[in-house]
């Protein structure tokens, strides 16, 4: 007699609604040393991020790690990065109006030297993960050029993945409903629109962020 473990299956655990009505202790901002930061405000049940040739991370720490199957977002854009003759994959055009990253932690913590040399955004996250590290960040993005589902590793950091969740060429309201092929382990969210490379000005307004979470069901077969 032996046990044969089948592929994992999942059942819907619930929907996690991210609070956007006021600045809770779960929200954390960071800055880049050589880039002007975005302007962030929480008003009337929404989150607004104004980009003015700027870029900076905004993090939301989840109460506990979850498995995310689907991400739903409702928002509005007053404008888009000004690409002109540039492309989103070029160093001069590497700006996106919407980035929502799902941060997955790793089991192994970084060494003292690695922590010291890490970028500021990693050190902020590691403050909440004293026994862990950062395995990967899965960004859902809005692209002006690429089709939904387009994927890349960011050329400046191989921890960062980018997946196009919506193609949008004009400002205005938008909705994202993106389902991962496999649930994404997530312990924090990272929001970052940017316009520093293209010298762009616009505002991203988020009215709701929902995470559809699942739980693993272990199945075994006896022979």
N, C-alpha and C. Protein backbone atom coordinates (compact mmCIF):
# COMPACT_ATOMS: atom_id res chain seq x y z
N UNK A 1 0.85 -1.19 0.00
CA UNK A 1 0.00 0.00 0.00
C UNK A 1 0.88 1.24 0.00
N UNK A 2 0.54 2.23 -0.85
CA UNK A 2 1.29 3.48 -0.84
C UNK A 2 0.35 4.62 -1.21
N UNK A 3 0.81 5.82 -0.95
CA UNK A 3 0.01 7.00 -1.21
C UNK A 3 0.52 7.69 -2.46
N UNK A 4 -0.37 8.04 -3.35
CA UNK A 4 -0.02 8.77 -4.56
C UNK A 4 -0.69 10.14 -4.50
N UNK A 5 0.12 11.17 -4.43
CA UNK A 5 -0.42 12.52 -4.34
C UNK A 5 -0.74 13.04 -5.74
N UNK A 6 -1.95 13.45 -5.95
CA UNK A 6 -2.37 14.00 -7.23
C UNK A 6 -2.03 15.49 -7.29
N UNK A 7 -2.26 16.08 -8.45
CA UNK A 7 -2.04 17.52 -8.58
C UNK A 7 -2.94 18.26 -7.59
N UNK A 8 -2.45 19.35 -7.00
CA UNK A 8 -3.24 20.05 -6.00
C UNK A 8 -4.50 20.63 -6.60
N UNK A 9 -5.57 20.62 -5.83
CA UNK A 9 -6.80 21.28 -6.23
C UNK A 9 -7.11 22.36 -5.20
N UNK A 10 -8.03 23.24 -5.55
CA UNK A 10 -8.29 24.41 -4.71
C UNK A 10 -9.79 24.62 -4.55
N UNK A 11 -10.16 25.23 -3.43
CA UNK A 11 -11.54 25.68 -3.29
C UNK A 11 -11.53 27.15 -2.89
N UNK A 12 -12.58 27.86 -3.31
CA UNK A 12 -12.68 29.29 -3.07
C UNK A 12 -12.79 29.56 -1.58
N UNK A 13 -11.89 30.39 -1.07
CA UNK A 13 -11.90 30.73 0.35
C UNK A 13 -12.73 31.98 0.61
N UNK A 14 -12.64 32.96 -0.28
CA UNK A 14 -13.39 34.19 -0.08
C UNK A 14 -12.80 35.33 -0.89
N UNK A 15 -13.35 36.51 -0.69
CA UNK A 15 -12.88 37.71 -1.37
C UNK A 15 -12.34 38.69 -0.35
N UNK A 16 -11.13 39.14 -0.58
CA UNK A 16 -10.48 40.09 0.31
C UNK A 16 -10.55 41.46 -0.34
N UNK A 17 -11.28 42.38 0.28
CA UNK A 17 -11.42 43.74 -0.22
C UNK A 17 -10.37 44.62 0.44
N UNK A 18 -9.48 45.20 -0.36
CA UNK A 18 -8.41 46.04 0.19
C UNK A 18 -8.98 47.41 0.56
N UNK A 19 -8.82 47.85 1.81
CA UNK A 19 -9.40 49.13 2.23
C UNK A 19 -8.69 50.32 1.60
N UNK A 20 -9.47 51.20 0.96
CA UNK A 20 -8.92 52.39 0.31
C UNK A 20 -9.48 53.67 0.91
N UNK A 21 -10.19 53.55 2.03
CA UNK A 21 -10.89 54.72 2.56
C UNK A 21 -10.05 55.60 3.47
N UNK A 22 -8.96 55.09 4.01
CA UNK A 22 -8.10 55.93 4.82
C UNK A 22 -6.74 55.25 4.96
N UNK A 23 -5.78 56.01 5.40
CA UNK A 23 -4.41 55.50 5.47
C UNK A 23 -4.23 54.67 6.74
N UNK A 24 -4.35 53.37 6.60
CA UNK A 24 -4.17 52.46 7.71
C UNK A 24 -2.69 52.17 7.94
N UNK A 25 -2.34 51.63 9.11
CA UNK A 25 -0.93 51.25 9.35
C UNK A 25 -0.42 50.21 8.36
N UNK A 26 -1.32 49.52 7.68
CA UNK A 26 -0.91 48.51 6.71
C UNK A 26 -0.31 49.11 5.45
N UNK A 27 -0.56 50.41 5.20
CA UNK A 27 -0.02 51.08 4.02
C UNK A 27 1.35 51.67 4.33
N UNK A 28 2.30 51.48 3.41
CA UNK A 28 3.66 51.98 3.61
C UNK A 28 4.19 52.55 2.30
N UNK A 29 4.81 53.71 2.40
CA UNK A 29 5.39 54.34 1.22
C UNK A 29 6.91 54.21 1.25
N UNK A 30 7.50 54.27 0.08
CA UNK A 30 8.95 54.26 -0.04
C UNK A 30 9.33 55.23 -1.15
N UNK A 31 10.61 55.56 -1.25
CA UNK A 31 11.09 56.48 -2.29
C UNK A 31 12.38 55.93 -2.88
N UNK A 32 12.65 56.35 -4.10
CA UNK A 32 13.93 56.07 -4.73
C UNK A 32 14.83 57.28 -4.53
N UNK A 33 16.10 57.03 -4.32
CA UNK A 33 17.03 58.10 -3.93
C UNK A 33 17.18 59.17 -5.01
N UNK A 34 17.01 58.80 -6.27
CA UNK A 34 17.28 59.75 -7.36
C UNK A 34 16.06 60.06 -8.22
N UNK A 35 14.84 59.73 -7.71
CA UNK A 35 13.61 59.96 -8.49
C UNK A 35 12.59 60.68 -7.62
N UNK A 36 11.94 61.65 -8.18
CA UNK A 36 10.87 62.38 -7.50
C UNK A 36 9.73 61.41 -7.16
N UNK A 37 9.20 61.43 -5.92
CA UNK A 37 8.13 60.49 -5.55
C UNK A 37 6.76 60.94 -6.05
N UNK A 38 5.87 59.98 -6.19
CA UNK A 38 4.48 60.27 -6.52
C UNK A 38 3.78 60.94 -5.33
N UNK A 39 2.65 61.58 -5.59
CA UNK A 39 1.83 62.18 -4.54
C UNK A 39 0.63 61.27 -4.30
N UNK A 40 0.46 60.82 -3.05
CA UNK A 40 -0.56 59.83 -2.71
C UNK A 40 -1.60 60.44 -1.78
N UNK A 41 -2.88 60.17 -2.04
CA UNK A 41 -3.95 60.67 -1.17
C UNK A 41 -5.09 59.65 -1.11
N UNK A 42 -5.72 59.56 0.07
CA UNK A 42 -6.88 58.71 0.27
C UNK A 42 -8.08 59.62 0.51
N UNK A 43 -9.07 59.57 -0.38
CA UNK A 43 -10.24 60.45 -0.24
C UNK A 43 -11.49 59.72 -0.69
N UNK A 44 -12.57 59.90 0.08
CA UNK A 44 -13.91 59.41 -0.31
C UNK A 44 -13.91 57.96 -0.79
N UNK A 45 -13.25 57.10 -0.03
CA UNK A 45 -13.25 55.68 -0.37
C UNK A 45 -12.43 55.30 -1.57
N UNK A 46 -11.47 56.12 -1.94
CA UNK A 46 -10.62 55.81 -3.09
C UNK A 46 -9.18 56.20 -2.80
N UNK A 47 -8.29 55.67 -3.60
CA UNK A 47 -6.86 55.97 -3.51
C UNK A 47 -6.43 56.66 -4.79
N UNK A 48 -5.83 57.84 -4.67
CA UNK A 48 -5.35 58.58 -5.83
C UNK A 48 -3.84 58.71 -5.77
N UNK A 49 -3.20 58.45 -6.90
CA UNK A 49 -1.74 58.59 -7.01
C UNK A 49 -1.46 59.52 -8.19
N UNK A 50 -0.90 60.69 -7.87
CA UNK A 50 -0.59 61.66 -8.92
C UNK A 50 0.86 61.49 -9.34
N UNK A 51 1.05 61.34 -10.64
CA UNK A 51 2.38 61.16 -11.22
C UNK A 51 2.77 62.45 -11.94
N UNK A 52 3.93 62.97 -11.59
CA UNK A 52 4.45 64.20 -12.21
C UNK A 52 5.93 64.01 -12.49
N UNK A 53 6.23 63.33 -13.59
CA UNK A 53 7.62 62.94 -13.90
C UNK A 53 8.23 62.22 -12.70
N UNK A 54 7.45 61.33 -12.10
CA UNK A 54 7.80 60.75 -10.80
C UNK A 54 7.55 59.25 -10.78
N UNK A 55 8.01 58.63 -9.69
CA UNK A 55 7.81 57.20 -9.47
C UNK A 55 8.17 56.86 -8.03
N UNK A 56 7.33 56.06 -7.38
CA UNK A 56 7.64 55.59 -6.02
C UNK A 56 6.71 54.44 -5.66
N UNK A 57 7.18 53.50 -4.84
CA UNK A 57 6.37 52.34 -4.47
C UNK A 57 5.41 52.67 -3.32
N UNK A 58 4.25 52.04 -3.37
CA UNK A 58 3.29 52.07 -2.27
C UNK A 58 2.96 50.61 -1.94
N UNK A 59 3.14 50.22 -0.68
CA UNK A 59 2.94 48.83 -0.27
C UNK A 59 1.73 48.71 0.65
N UNK A 60 1.03 47.58 0.52
CA UNK A 60 -0.02 47.21 1.47
C UNK A 60 0.31 45.83 2.00
N UNK A 61 0.50 45.73 3.31
CA UNK A 61 0.84 44.45 3.93
C UNK A 61 -0.43 43.70 4.31
N UNK A 62 -0.62 42.51 3.78
CA UNK A 62 -1.79 41.72 4.10
C UNK A 62 -1.70 41.20 5.54
N UNK A 63 -2.85 40.99 6.19
CA UNK A 63 -2.83 40.47 7.56
C UNK A 63 -2.10 39.14 7.68
N UNK A 64 -2.21 38.32 6.63
CA UNK A 64 -1.50 37.03 6.58
C UNK A 64 -1.34 36.64 5.12
N UNK A 65 -0.38 35.77 4.79
CA UNK A 65 -0.21 35.34 3.40
C UNK A 65 -1.45 34.62 2.88
N UNK A 66 -1.77 34.82 1.61
CA UNK A 66 -2.93 34.19 0.99
C UNK A 66 -2.54 33.67 -0.39
N UNK A 67 -3.37 32.79 -0.93
CA UNK A 67 -3.25 32.33 -2.32
C UNK A 67 -4.28 33.08 -3.15
N UNK A 68 -3.82 33.88 -4.10
CA UNK A 68 -4.72 34.71 -4.90
C UNK A 68 -4.98 34.05 -6.24
N UNK A 69 -6.25 33.80 -6.53
CA UNK A 69 -6.64 33.23 -7.82
C UNK A 69 -6.99 34.33 -8.82
N UNK A 70 -7.75 35.34 -8.37
CA UNK A 70 -8.24 36.39 -9.26
C UNK A 70 -8.06 37.76 -8.63
N UNK A 71 -7.67 38.72 -9.44
CA UNK A 71 -7.55 40.12 -9.01
C UNK A 71 -8.55 40.95 -9.78
N UNK A 72 -9.36 41.74 -9.05
CA UNK A 72 -10.33 42.64 -9.67
C UNK A 72 -10.04 44.07 -9.23
N UNK A 73 -9.96 44.96 -10.20
CA UNK A 73 -9.65 46.36 -9.91
C UNK A 73 -10.59 47.25 -10.71
N UNK A 74 -11.10 48.30 -10.06
CA UNK A 74 -11.85 49.35 -10.74
C UNK A 74 -11.15 50.67 -10.49
N UNK A 75 -10.96 51.45 -11.55
CA UNK A 75 -10.25 52.71 -11.39
C UNK A 75 -10.46 53.64 -12.56
N UNK A 76 -9.66 54.70 -12.56
CA UNK A 76 -9.77 55.71 -13.61
C UNK A 76 -8.40 56.36 -13.81
N UNK A 77 -8.09 56.67 -15.05
CA UNK A 77 -6.84 57.33 -15.40
C UNK A 77 -7.13 58.67 -16.06
N UNK A 78 -6.48 59.73 -15.55
CA UNK A 78 -6.65 61.06 -16.15
C UNK A 78 -5.77 61.22 -17.39
N UNK A 79 -4.81 60.35 -17.55
CA UNK A 79 -3.90 60.40 -18.69
C UNK A 79 -3.08 59.13 -18.74
N UNK A 80 -2.12 59.08 -19.66
CA UNK A 80 -1.25 57.93 -19.84
C UNK A 80 0.18 58.42 -20.04
N UNK A 81 1.17 57.56 -19.78
CA UNK A 81 2.56 57.94 -20.07
C UNK A 81 2.71 58.36 -21.53
N UNK A 82 3.47 59.42 -21.75
CA UNK A 82 3.67 59.97 -23.09
C UNK A 82 4.82 59.25 -23.78
N UNK A 83 4.49 58.22 -24.54
CA UNK A 83 5.53 57.42 -25.19
C UNK A 83 6.10 58.10 -26.42
N UNK A 84 5.25 58.76 -27.21
CA UNK A 84 5.67 59.41 -28.45
C UNK A 84 6.41 58.40 -29.33
N UNK A 85 7.68 58.59 -29.57
CA UNK A 85 8.43 57.66 -30.43
C UNK A 85 9.10 56.54 -29.62
N UNK A 86 8.86 56.51 -28.30
CA UNK A 86 9.48 55.50 -27.45
C UNK A 86 8.58 54.27 -27.36
N UNK A 87 9.13 53.19 -26.82
CA UNK A 87 8.35 51.98 -26.56
C UNK A 87 8.44 51.63 -25.08
N UNK A 88 7.46 50.88 -24.60
CA UNK A 88 7.42 50.53 -23.18
C UNK A 88 8.60 49.64 -22.78
N UNK A 89 9.16 48.92 -23.72
CA UNK A 89 10.29 48.05 -23.41
C UNK A 89 11.64 48.77 -23.45
N UNK A 90 11.64 50.02 -23.91
CA UNK A 90 12.90 50.77 -23.97
C UNK A 90 13.18 51.42 -22.62
N UNK A 91 14.44 51.69 -22.35
CA UNK A 91 14.82 52.33 -21.10
C UNK A 91 14.20 53.71 -20.98
N UNK A 92 14.03 54.41 -22.11
CA UNK A 92 13.48 55.76 -22.10
C UNK A 92 11.96 55.76 -21.99
N UNK A 93 11.32 54.62 -22.22
CA UNK A 93 9.86 54.56 -22.20
C UNK A 93 9.30 53.59 -21.19
N UNK A 94 10.11 53.21 -20.20
CA UNK A 94 9.72 52.19 -19.22
C UNK A 94 8.80 52.77 -18.15
N UNK A 95 7.66 53.32 -18.58
CA UNK A 95 6.66 53.87 -17.68
C UNK A 95 5.32 53.21 -17.96
N UNK A 96 4.58 52.92 -16.90
CA UNK A 96 3.25 52.34 -17.03
C UNK A 96 2.28 53.10 -16.12
N UNK A 97 1.05 53.25 -16.58
CA UNK A 97 0.05 53.99 -15.81
C UNK A 97 -0.45 53.18 -14.62
N UNK A 98 -0.29 51.85 -14.67
CA UNK A 98 -0.80 51.00 -13.59
C UNK A 98 0.11 49.79 -13.44
N UNK A 99 0.57 49.60 -12.23
CA UNK A 99 1.28 48.38 -11.83
C UNK A 99 0.75 47.96 -10.47
N UNK A 100 0.26 46.74 -10.38
CA UNK A 100 -0.15 46.17 -9.09
C UNK A 100 0.60 44.87 -8.90
N UNK A 101 1.53 44.87 -7.95
CA UNK A 101 2.38 43.71 -7.73
C UNK A 101 1.91 42.85 -6.58
N UNK A 102 1.94 41.55 -6.77
CA UNK A 102 1.66 40.58 -5.72
C UNK A 102 3.00 40.02 -5.25
N UNK A 103 3.35 40.32 -4.02
CA UNK A 103 4.67 39.99 -3.49
C UNK A 103 4.64 38.62 -2.82
N UNK A 104 5.52 37.72 -3.27
CA UNK A 104 5.64 36.39 -2.68
C UNK A 104 6.93 36.30 -1.88
N UNK A 105 6.82 35.86 -0.64
CA UNK A 105 8.00 35.73 0.21
C UNK A 105 8.69 34.39 -0.04
N UNK A 106 9.96 34.32 0.34
CA UNK A 106 10.73 33.09 0.24
C UNK A 106 11.00 32.53 1.62
N UNK A 107 11.34 31.25 1.68
CA UNK A 107 11.60 30.61 2.97
C UNK A 107 12.94 31.06 3.53
N UNK A 108 13.93 31.22 2.66
CA UNK A 108 15.28 31.56 3.10
C UNK A 108 15.45 33.07 3.23
N UNK A 109 15.87 33.57 4.40
CA UNK A 109 16.13 35.00 4.55
C UNK A 109 17.44 35.38 3.86
N UNK A 110 17.57 36.64 3.42
CA UNK A 110 18.82 37.07 2.80
C UNK A 110 19.92 37.20 3.85
N UNK A 111 21.16 37.14 3.41
CA UNK A 111 22.29 37.33 4.33
C UNK A 111 22.34 38.79 4.79
N UNK A 112 23.11 39.04 5.82
CA UNK A 112 23.25 40.41 6.33
C UNK A 112 23.78 41.33 5.25
N UNK A 113 24.76 40.86 4.48
CA UNK A 113 25.34 41.68 3.41
C UNK A 113 24.31 41.94 2.32
N UNK A 114 23.56 40.89 1.94
CA UNK A 114 22.54 41.05 0.89
C UNK A 114 21.45 42.02 1.33
N UNK A 115 21.07 41.95 2.60
CA UNK A 115 20.06 42.88 3.11
C UNK A 115 20.59 44.31 3.08
N UNK A 116 21.84 44.49 3.45
CA UNK A 116 22.44 45.84 3.48
C UNK A 116 22.51 46.43 2.07
N UNK A 117 22.81 45.59 1.08
CA UNK A 117 22.98 46.06 -0.29
C UNK A 117 21.67 46.12 -1.06
N UNK A 118 20.59 45.62 -0.48
CA UNK A 118 19.31 45.54 -1.19
C UNK A 118 18.72 46.93 -1.41
N UNK A 119 17.93 47.10 -2.47
CA UNK A 119 17.22 48.36 -2.69
C UNK A 119 16.29 48.67 -1.52
N UNK A 120 15.92 49.94 -1.38
CA UNK A 120 15.11 50.38 -0.26
C UNK A 120 13.78 49.64 -0.19
N UNK A 121 13.16 49.36 -1.36
CA UNK A 121 11.85 48.69 -1.35
C UNK A 121 11.95 47.29 -0.79
N UNK A 122 13.06 46.60 -1.03
CA UNK A 122 13.24 45.26 -0.47
C UNK A 122 13.44 45.34 1.04
N UNK A 123 14.22 46.33 1.50
CA UNK A 123 14.45 46.45 2.95
C UNK A 123 13.15 46.74 3.69
N UNK A 124 12.26 47.54 3.11
CA UNK A 124 10.98 47.82 3.74
C UNK A 124 10.18 46.54 3.91
N UNK A 125 10.10 45.75 2.85
CA UNK A 125 9.36 44.49 2.93
C UNK A 125 10.00 43.52 3.90
N UNK A 126 11.34 43.49 3.93
CA UNK A 126 12.03 42.55 4.82
C UNK A 126 11.84 42.91 6.29
N UNK A 127 11.54 44.16 6.58
CA UNK A 127 11.25 44.55 7.96
C UNK A 127 10.04 43.78 8.50
N UNK A 128 9.15 43.36 7.60
CA UNK A 128 7.96 42.63 8.00
C UNK A 128 8.14 41.13 7.82
N UNK A 129 9.31 40.73 7.34
CA UNK A 129 9.61 39.32 7.11
C UNK A 129 10.97 38.98 7.72
N UNK A 130 11.10 39.09 9.04
CA UNK A 130 12.42 38.90 9.65
C UNK A 130 13.03 37.53 9.41
N UNK A 131 12.20 36.52 9.16
CA UNK A 131 12.70 35.17 8.96
C UNK A 131 12.60 34.72 7.50
N UNK A 132 12.24 35.66 6.60
CA UNK A 132 12.02 35.29 5.21
C UNK A 132 12.69 36.29 4.27
N UNK A 133 12.59 36.03 2.99
CA UNK A 133 13.08 36.95 1.97
C UNK A 133 12.00 37.20 0.94
N UNK A 134 12.39 37.78 -0.19
CA UNK A 134 11.46 38.03 -1.28
C UNK A 134 11.76 37.05 -2.41
N UNK A 135 10.78 36.23 -2.77
CA UNK A 135 10.96 35.25 -3.84
C UNK A 135 10.69 35.87 -5.20
N UNK A 136 9.55 36.54 -5.33
CA UNK A 136 9.21 37.17 -6.60
C UNK A 136 8.10 38.19 -6.40
N UNK A 137 7.94 39.08 -7.37
CA UNK A 137 6.83 40.03 -7.41
C UNK A 137 6.16 39.89 -8.77
N UNK A 138 4.87 39.56 -8.75
CA UNK A 138 4.10 39.40 -9.99
C UNK A 138 3.28 40.67 -10.22
N UNK A 139 3.69 41.48 -11.17
CA UNK A 139 2.99 42.72 -11.46
C UNK A 139 1.93 42.50 -12.54
N UNK A 140 0.71 42.94 -12.25
CA UNK A 140 -0.32 43.09 -13.27
C UNK A 140 -0.25 44.53 -13.76
N UNK A 141 -0.26 44.72 -15.08
CA UNK A 141 -0.05 46.06 -15.62
C UNK A 141 -1.13 46.42 -16.64
N UNK A 142 -1.22 47.73 -16.90
CA UNK A 142 -1.98 48.26 -18.03
C UNK A 142 -0.96 48.73 -19.06
N UNK A 143 -1.11 48.23 -20.28
CA UNK A 143 -0.17 48.56 -21.34
C UNK A 143 -0.87 49.31 -22.47
N UNK A 144 -0.16 50.24 -23.08
CA UNK A 144 -0.68 50.91 -24.27
C UNK A 144 -0.36 50.12 -25.54
N UNK A 145 0.63 49.24 -25.47
CA UNK A 145 1.16 48.58 -26.67
C UNK A 145 0.89 47.08 -26.73
N UNK A 146 0.95 46.40 -25.58
CA UNK A 146 0.97 44.94 -25.58
C UNK A 146 -0.42 44.35 -25.35
N UNK A 147 -0.59 43.12 -25.81
CA UNK A 147 -1.86 42.41 -25.65
C UNK A 147 -1.96 41.82 -24.24
N UNK A 148 -3.19 41.58 -23.81
CA UNK A 148 -3.43 40.96 -22.51
C UNK A 148 -2.73 39.60 -22.46
N UNK A 149 -2.03 39.36 -21.36
CA UNK A 149 -1.31 38.10 -21.19
C UNK A 149 0.16 38.18 -21.53
N UNK A 150 0.58 39.26 -22.18
CA UNK A 150 2.01 39.43 -22.51
C UNK A 150 2.82 39.42 -21.22
N UNK A 151 3.97 38.74 -21.25
CA UNK A 151 4.76 38.51 -20.03
C UNK A 151 6.22 38.88 -20.28
N UNK A 152 6.86 39.39 -19.23
CA UNK A 152 8.31 39.57 -19.28
C UNK A 152 8.87 39.62 -17.86
N UNK A 153 10.15 39.28 -17.72
CA UNK A 153 10.92 39.58 -16.53
C UNK A 153 11.48 40.98 -16.72
N UNK A 154 11.41 41.80 -15.67
CA UNK A 154 11.91 43.16 -15.81
C UNK A 154 13.42 43.13 -16.02
N UNK A 155 13.93 43.87 -17.00
CA UNK A 155 15.37 43.80 -17.32
C UNK A 155 16.28 44.29 -16.20
N UNK A 156 15.76 45.10 -15.28
CA UNK A 156 16.61 45.63 -14.21
C UNK A 156 16.58 44.79 -12.94
N UNK A 157 15.64 43.83 -12.86
CA UNK A 157 15.54 43.03 -11.64
C UNK A 157 14.79 41.74 -11.96
N UNK A 158 15.48 40.60 -11.89
CA UNK A 158 14.85 39.34 -12.28
C UNK A 158 13.90 38.79 -11.22
N UNK A 159 13.74 39.50 -10.08
CA UNK A 159 12.71 39.13 -9.12
C UNK A 159 11.33 39.59 -9.59
N UNK A 160 11.31 40.51 -10.54
CA UNK A 160 10.07 41.16 -10.95
C UNK A 160 9.56 40.59 -12.27
N UNK A 161 8.30 40.11 -12.22
CA UNK A 161 7.60 39.67 -13.42
C UNK A 161 6.51 40.69 -13.76
N UNK A 162 6.24 40.87 -15.04
CA UNK A 162 5.18 41.77 -15.48
C UNK A 162 4.23 41.02 -16.42
N UNK A 163 2.93 41.10 -16.11
CA UNK A 163 1.90 40.46 -16.91
C UNK A 163 0.88 41.53 -17.29
N UNK A 164 0.62 41.68 -18.57
CA UNK A 164 -0.36 42.68 -19.01
C UNK A 164 -1.77 42.16 -18.71
N UNK A 165 -2.50 42.91 -17.87
CA UNK A 165 -3.87 42.54 -17.50
C UNK A 165 -4.91 43.31 -18.30
N UNK A 166 -4.49 44.43 -18.91
CA UNK A 166 -5.41 45.24 -19.70
C UNK A 166 -4.62 46.08 -20.69
N UNK A 167 -5.12 46.15 -21.92
CA UNK A 167 -4.54 47.06 -22.91
C UNK A 167 -5.44 48.28 -23.01
N UNK A 168 -4.86 49.47 -22.84
CA UNK A 168 -5.65 50.70 -22.81
C UNK A 168 -4.85 51.82 -23.46
N UNK A 169 -5.43 52.43 -24.49
CA UNK A 169 -4.73 53.46 -25.24
C UNK A 169 -5.26 54.87 -24.99
N UNK A 170 -6.36 54.98 -24.23
CA UNK A 170 -6.94 56.29 -23.95
C UNK A 170 -7.23 56.41 -22.46
N UNK A 171 -7.21 57.63 -21.90
CA UNK A 171 -7.56 57.81 -20.50
C UNK A 171 -9.03 57.46 -20.25
N UNK A 172 -9.40 57.41 -18.96
CA UNK A 172 -10.78 57.13 -18.60
C UNK A 172 -10.89 55.98 -17.61
N UNK A 173 -12.12 55.55 -17.39
CA UNK A 173 -12.38 54.47 -16.43
C UNK A 173 -11.89 53.13 -16.99
N UNK A 174 -11.55 52.23 -16.06
CA UNK A 174 -11.13 50.89 -16.47
C UNK A 174 -11.52 49.86 -15.43
N UNK A 175 -11.61 48.62 -15.87
CA UNK A 175 -11.84 47.47 -14.99
C UNK A 175 -10.88 46.36 -15.37
N UNK A 176 -10.30 45.74 -14.36
CA UNK A 176 -9.42 44.59 -14.55
C UNK A 176 -10.04 43.41 -13.83
N UNK A 177 -10.08 42.27 -14.50
CA UNK A 177 -10.52 41.02 -13.90
C UNK A 177 -9.57 39.94 -14.40
N UNK A 178 -8.49 39.74 -13.66
CA UNK A 178 -7.42 38.85 -14.13
C UNK A 178 -7.35 37.60 -13.26
N UNK A 179 -7.39 36.44 -13.90
CA UNK A 179 -7.32 35.15 -13.21
C UNK A 179 -5.98 34.49 -13.52
N UNK A 180 -5.23 34.16 -12.48
CA UNK A 180 -3.95 33.48 -12.65
C UNK A 180 -4.17 32.01 -13.03
N UNK A 181 -3.27 31.48 -13.84
CA UNK A 181 -3.34 30.07 -14.20
C UNK A 181 -3.17 29.19 -12.96
N UNK A 182 -2.27 29.59 -12.08
CA UNK A 182 -2.08 28.93 -10.79
C UNK A 182 -2.14 30.01 -9.72
N UNK A 183 -2.76 29.75 -8.57
CA UNK A 183 -2.88 30.77 -7.54
C UNK A 183 -1.52 31.35 -7.15
N UNK A 184 -1.50 32.65 -6.92
CA UNK A 184 -0.25 33.36 -6.62
C UNK A 184 -0.11 33.57 -5.11
N UNK A 185 0.89 32.94 -4.47
CA UNK A 185 1.14 33.21 -3.05
C UNK A 185 1.46 34.69 -2.85
N UNK A 186 0.77 35.32 -1.90
CA UNK A 186 0.89 36.77 -1.76
C UNK A 186 0.90 37.17 -0.29
N UNK A 187 1.90 37.98 0.10
CA UNK A 187 1.93 38.50 1.46
C UNK A 187 1.85 40.03 1.49
N UNK A 188 1.95 40.68 0.32
CA UNK A 188 1.85 42.13 0.26
C UNK A 188 1.49 42.55 -1.16
N UNK A 189 0.95 43.76 -1.28
CA UNK A 189 0.68 44.36 -2.59
C UNK A 189 1.61 45.54 -2.80
N UNK A 190 1.99 45.75 -4.04
CA UNK A 190 2.89 46.84 -4.41
C UNK A 190 2.25 47.60 -5.56
N UNK A 191 1.89 48.86 -5.34
CA UNK A 191 1.25 49.69 -6.36
C UNK A 191 2.23 50.76 -6.81
N UNK A 192 2.41 50.89 -8.12
CA UNK A 192 3.38 51.87 -8.61
C UNK A 192 3.13 52.28 -10.06
N UNK A 193 2.36 53.35 -10.28
CA UNK A 193 2.37 53.98 -11.60
C UNK A 193 3.61 54.86 -11.71
N UNK A 194 4.11 55.09 -12.92
CA UNK A 194 5.30 55.94 -13.02
C UNK A 194 5.34 56.72 -14.33
N UNK A 195 6.04 57.86 -14.26
CA UNK A 195 6.19 58.73 -15.42
C UNK A 195 7.52 59.42 -15.45
N UNK A 196 8.50 58.87 -14.72
CA UNK A 196 9.80 59.53 -14.60
C UNK A 196 10.63 59.43 -15.88
N UNK A 197 10.53 58.32 -16.59
CA UNK A 197 11.33 58.15 -17.81
C UNK A 197 10.78 58.97 -18.98
N UNK A 198 9.45 59.08 -19.05
CA UNK A 198 8.81 59.79 -20.18
C UNK A 198 8.40 61.21 -19.82
N UNK A 199 8.72 61.64 -18.58
CA UNK A 199 8.36 62.99 -18.12
C UNK A 199 6.86 63.23 -18.29
N UNK A 200 6.06 62.29 -17.78
CA UNK A 200 4.61 62.33 -17.96
C UNK A 200 3.89 62.78 -16.70
N UNK A 201 2.70 63.35 -16.88
CA UNK A 201 1.85 63.78 -15.78
C UNK A 201 0.46 63.16 -15.95
N UNK A 202 -0.02 62.48 -14.92
CA UNK A 202 -1.38 61.92 -14.92
C UNK A 202 -1.71 61.47 -13.50
N UNK A 203 -2.98 61.14 -13.28
CA UNK A 203 -3.42 60.65 -11.98
C UNK A 203 -4.10 59.30 -12.14
N UNK A 204 -3.69 58.35 -11.31
CA UNK A 204 -4.34 57.05 -11.21
C UNK A 204 -5.26 57.06 -10.00
N UNK A 205 -6.55 56.84 -10.22
CA UNK A 205 -7.51 56.76 -9.12
C UNK A 205 -8.02 55.33 -9.03
N UNK A 206 -7.87 54.72 -7.86
CA UNK A 206 -8.34 53.35 -7.64
C UNK A 206 -9.56 53.39 -6.74
N UNK A 207 -10.67 52.82 -7.23
CA UNK A 207 -11.92 52.80 -6.47
C UNK A 207 -12.15 51.50 -5.73
N UNK A 208 -11.56 50.42 -6.22
CA UNK A 208 -11.67 49.14 -5.51
C UNK A 208 -10.59 48.17 -5.97
N UNK A 209 -10.10 47.38 -5.02
CA UNK A 209 -9.17 46.28 -5.30
C UNK A 209 -9.69 45.06 -4.55
N UNK A 210 -9.98 43.99 -5.27
CA UNK A 210 -10.48 42.77 -4.66
C UNK A 210 -9.55 41.60 -5.02
N UNK A 211 -9.27 40.79 -4.03
CA UNK A 211 -8.47 39.57 -4.23
C UNK A 211 -9.35 38.36 -3.95
N UNK A 212 -9.55 37.53 -4.96
CA UNK A 212 -10.28 36.28 -4.76
C UNK A 212 -9.27 35.22 -4.31
N UNK A 213 -9.41 34.75 -3.09
CA UNK A 213 -8.43 33.84 -2.51
C UNK A 213 -8.94 32.41 -2.48
N UNK A 214 -8.00 31.46 -2.54
CA UNK A 214 -8.34 30.05 -2.52
C UNK A 214 -7.47 29.34 -1.48
N UNK A 215 -7.83 28.09 -1.23
CA UNK A 215 -7.06 27.27 -0.30
C UNK A 215 -6.78 25.93 -0.95
N UNK A 216 -5.61 25.39 -0.67
CA UNK A 216 -5.22 24.11 -1.27
C UNK A 216 -5.97 22.96 -0.62
N UNK A 217 -6.42 22.02 -1.46
CA UNK A 217 -7.02 20.78 -0.97
C UNK A 217 -6.07 19.65 -1.32
N UNK A 218 -5.53 18.98 -0.32
CA UNK A 218 -4.63 17.85 -0.56
C UNK A 218 -5.45 16.60 -0.82
N UNK A 219 -5.19 15.95 -1.95
CA UNK A 219 -5.92 14.72 -2.29
C UNK A 219 -4.94 13.57 -2.40
N UNK A 220 -5.33 12.42 -1.88
CA UNK A 220 -4.47 11.24 -1.92
C UNK A 220 -5.27 10.04 -2.43
N UNK A 221 -4.58 9.13 -3.08
CA UNK A 221 -5.22 7.91 -3.57
C UNK A 221 -4.44 6.72 -3.02
N UNK A 222 -5.15 5.76 -2.50
CA UNK A 222 -4.51 4.59 -1.89
C UNK A 222 -4.53 3.43 -2.87
N UNK A 223 -3.38 2.75 -3.01
CA UNK A 223 -3.30 1.53 -3.82
C UNK A 223 -2.76 0.41 -2.96
